[in-house]
Structures are given as structure tokens and as C-alpha cells.
Amino acid sequence: QVQLVESGGGLVQAGGSLTLSCAASGRTFSSRIMGWFRQAPGKEREYVAAIIWSGGSTNYADSVKGRFTISRDIAKDMVHLQMNSLKPEDTAVYYCAGGVYVSSNYDRATAYDYWGQGTQVTVSS
């Protein structure tokens, strides 16, 4: 099957930048859509961004639009999340997700079939 491994998390000061990466292995072709979700302590898992593998169309949650950029590297089977102008409210565990099917519910966790282990992002004031 498909395995997803996130990297790039860490501690950063407010206003700083951080880039997360998601490496896919196995049957990568099974993931038609890739997404990023995050979950802060005491909060529900929240949609961040998504990208359709074929064509590269992207979508962002309103809370990160203009600050975050999702991209894909076809040659390396990787997805990245460039995060700029980070705020303390961005602090969360960030998860990479892959979906076999592309649907209108790409902003819901239930639309995805594969998940990474998560990487911690902490933004200090």
C-alpha cells in the first residue's frame, strides 16, 4: 500500500516560515489527491490545503489562504507545504493525507485513505 511520511516540523517564532514535506512510497499512483490537515490540542482535525496530483489544482482553507502554499514534486513523489507568516494559532500536529478518489469533500478527513504519522509545528510568540 501507500505510506506517507511527514518531515520538517519544529519550533519557529511568530512571523517566521517553515516548510513541511510529505514523502510517499509504495503505490503512489493510488493517491489522486493529497492534502494537509492539522490538529491542535483540544480542537478538531482541521483542513489546511489540498492538491490534485494530475494537473496540480490547489485549494486552501480560509485561515491559511495567502500564507500557505501547497505544491507537488512529481519526480520525487513528494508534497510540500510552505508556511509563511506563521502565527501561534498555527501550532498543531500537521498530517499529510492521500485520497484515492477526488471528490467535492476534499476538505473532510473522511475523503482520504492514507495518513502520515504527523509532524509537530510549534509557533511561539
Protein backbone atom coordinates (compact mmCIF):
# COMPACT_ATOMS: atom_id res chain seq x y z
CA GLN A 1 0.00 0.00 0.00
CA VAL A 2 0.91 3.66 0.19
CA GLN A 3 2.98 5.01 3.05
CA LEU A 4 3.24 8.70 3.85
CA VAL A 5 5.97 10.23 5.99
CA GLU A 6 5.97 13.88 7.04
CA SER A 7 9.03 15.89 7.94
CA GLY A 8 10.05 19.49 8.50
CA GLY A 9 8.12 20.29 11.65
CA GLY A 10 9.70 22.16 14.50
CA LEU A 11 9.73 25.29 16.62
CA VAL A 12 9.53 28.67 14.94
CA GLN A 13 8.81 32.21 16.11
CA ALA A 14 5.70 34.09 15.06
CA GLY A 15 6.13 35.68 11.65
CA GLY A 16 8.61 33.06 10.57
CA SER A 17 8.45 30.40 7.90
CA LEU A 18 8.57 26.65 7.82
CA THR A 19 8.28 24.06 5.07
CA LEU A 20 6.71 20.67 5.63
CA SER A 21 7.35 17.74 3.32
CA CYS A 22 5.46 14.55 2.71
CA ALA A 23 7.23 11.61 1.09
CA ALA A 24 5.11 8.92 -0.50
CA SER A 25 6.19 5.35 -1.09
CA GLY A 26 4.50 2.25 -2.39
CA ARG A 27 1.60 2.56 -4.79
CA THR A 28 1.84 6.31 -5.21
CA PHE A 29 -0.41 6.26 -8.27
CA SER A 30 -3.30 5.38 -5.97
CA SER A 31 -3.28 8.88 -4.48
CA ARG A 32 -5.22 11.15 -6.81
CA ILE A 33 -5.44 13.94 -4.26
CA MET A 34 -3.06 14.96 -1.49
CA GLY A 35 -3.97 17.10 1.45
CA TRP A 36 -2.70 18.63 4.66
CA PHE A 37 -4.68 18.64 7.88
CA ARG A 38 -3.77 19.87 11.34
CA GLN A 39 -4.98 19.24 14.85
CA ALA A 40 -4.30 21.44 17.84
CA PRO A 41 -4.81 20.31 21.45
CA GLY A 42 -8.49 20.32 22.32
CA LYS A 43 -9.58 21.07 18.76
CA GLU A 44 -10.96 19.04 15.89
CA ARG A 45 -8.79 17.98 13.00
CA GLU A 46 -8.81 20.91 10.60
CA TYR A 47 -8.42 21.03 6.84
CA VAL A 48 -5.48 23.10 5.64
CA ALA A 49 -4.89 22.58 1.92
CA ALA A 50 -5.21 20.08 -0.91
CA ILE A 51 -3.71 19.47 -4.31
CA ILE A 52 -4.90 17.24 -7.14
CA TRP A 53 -1.98 15.18 -8.38
CA SER A 54 -2.94 15.31 -12.02
CA GLY A 55 -2.95 18.93 -13.09
CA GLY A 56 -1.89 20.40 -9.75
CA SER A 57 -5.08 22.29 -8.87
CA THR A 58 -4.93 23.59 -5.30
CA ASN A 59 -7.33 24.63 -2.59
CA TYR A 60 -6.81 26.29 0.78
CA ALA A 61 -8.70 26.82 3.97
CA ASP A 62 -9.62 30.45 4.52
CA SER A 63 -7.49 30.55 7.66
CA VAL A 64 -4.26 29.90 5.73
CA LYS A 65 -5.03 31.36 2.31
CA GLY A 66 -2.34 33.80 1.27
CA ARG A 67 0.13 32.45 3.83
CA PHE A 68 0.49 28.76 2.97
CA THR A 69 1.34 27.17 -0.36
CA ILE A 70 0.89 23.50 -1.23
CA SER A 71 2.92 22.04 -4.07
CA ARG A 72 3.91 18.70 -5.52
CA ASP A 73 7.13 17.27 -6.90
CA ILE A 74 6.14 14.67 -9.46
CA ALA A 75 9.66 13.34 -9.96
CA LYS A 76 10.17 12.72 -6.24
CA ASP A 77 6.61 11.72 -5.31
CA MET A 78 6.55 14.42 -2.67
CA VAL A 79 4.15 17.08 -1.48
CA HIS A 80 5.23 20.24 0.32
CA LEU A 81 3.52 22.83 2.45
CA GLN A 82 5.30 26.16 2.56
CA MET A 83 4.10 28.11 5.58
CA ASN A 84 4.82 31.82 5.83
CA SER A 85 3.81 34.50 8.33
CA LEU A 86 3.22 31.85 10.95
CA LYS A 87 1.01 32.65 13.91
CA PRO A 88 0.78 30.99 17.34
CA GLU A 89 -2.67 29.72 16.30
CA ASP A 90 -0.96 27.64 13.61
CA THR A 91 0.53 25.47 16.34
CA ALA A 92 -0.66 21.92 15.76
CA VAL A 93 0.28 18.47 14.61
CA TYR A 94 0.24 18.53 10.83
CA TYR A 95 -0.81 15.44 8.90
CA CYS A 96 -0.26 14.54 5.28
CA ALA A 97 -3.10 12.62 3.66
CA GLY A 98 -3.71 10.89 0.36
CA GLY A 99 -7.02 10.10 -1.29
CA VAL A 100 -7.73 7.50 -3.93
CA TYR A 101 -10.71 9.40 -5.26
CA VAL A 102 -11.20 13.08 -5.92
CA SER A 103 -14.49 14.35 -4.59
CA SER A 104 -16.14 17.58 -3.56
CA ASN A 105 -15.46 16.64 0.07
CA TYR A 106 -11.71 17.11 -0.13
CA ASP A 107 -11.87 19.36 2.94
CA ARG A 108 -13.05 16.46 5.09
CA ALA A 109 -10.77 13.87 6.67
CA THR A 110 -13.12 11.09 5.62
CA ALA A 111 -12.27 11.74 1.97
CA TYR A 112 -8.71 10.47 2.44
CA ASP A 113 -7.43 6.90 2.56
CA TYR A 114 -3.80 7.21 3.65
CA TRP A 115 -2.33 9.22 6.51
CA GLY A 116 1.13 10.06 7.73
CA GLN A 117 2.21 9.93 11.36
CA GLY A 118 2.09 13.69 11.78
CA THR A 119 4.74 16.29 12.48
CA GLN A 120 4.61 18.87 15.26
CA VAL A 121 4.67 22.57 14.39
CA THR A 122 5.00 24.97 17.29
CA VAL A 123 4.84 28.73 16.75
CA SER A 124 5.96 30.85 19.67
CA SER A 125 5.07 34.48 20.29
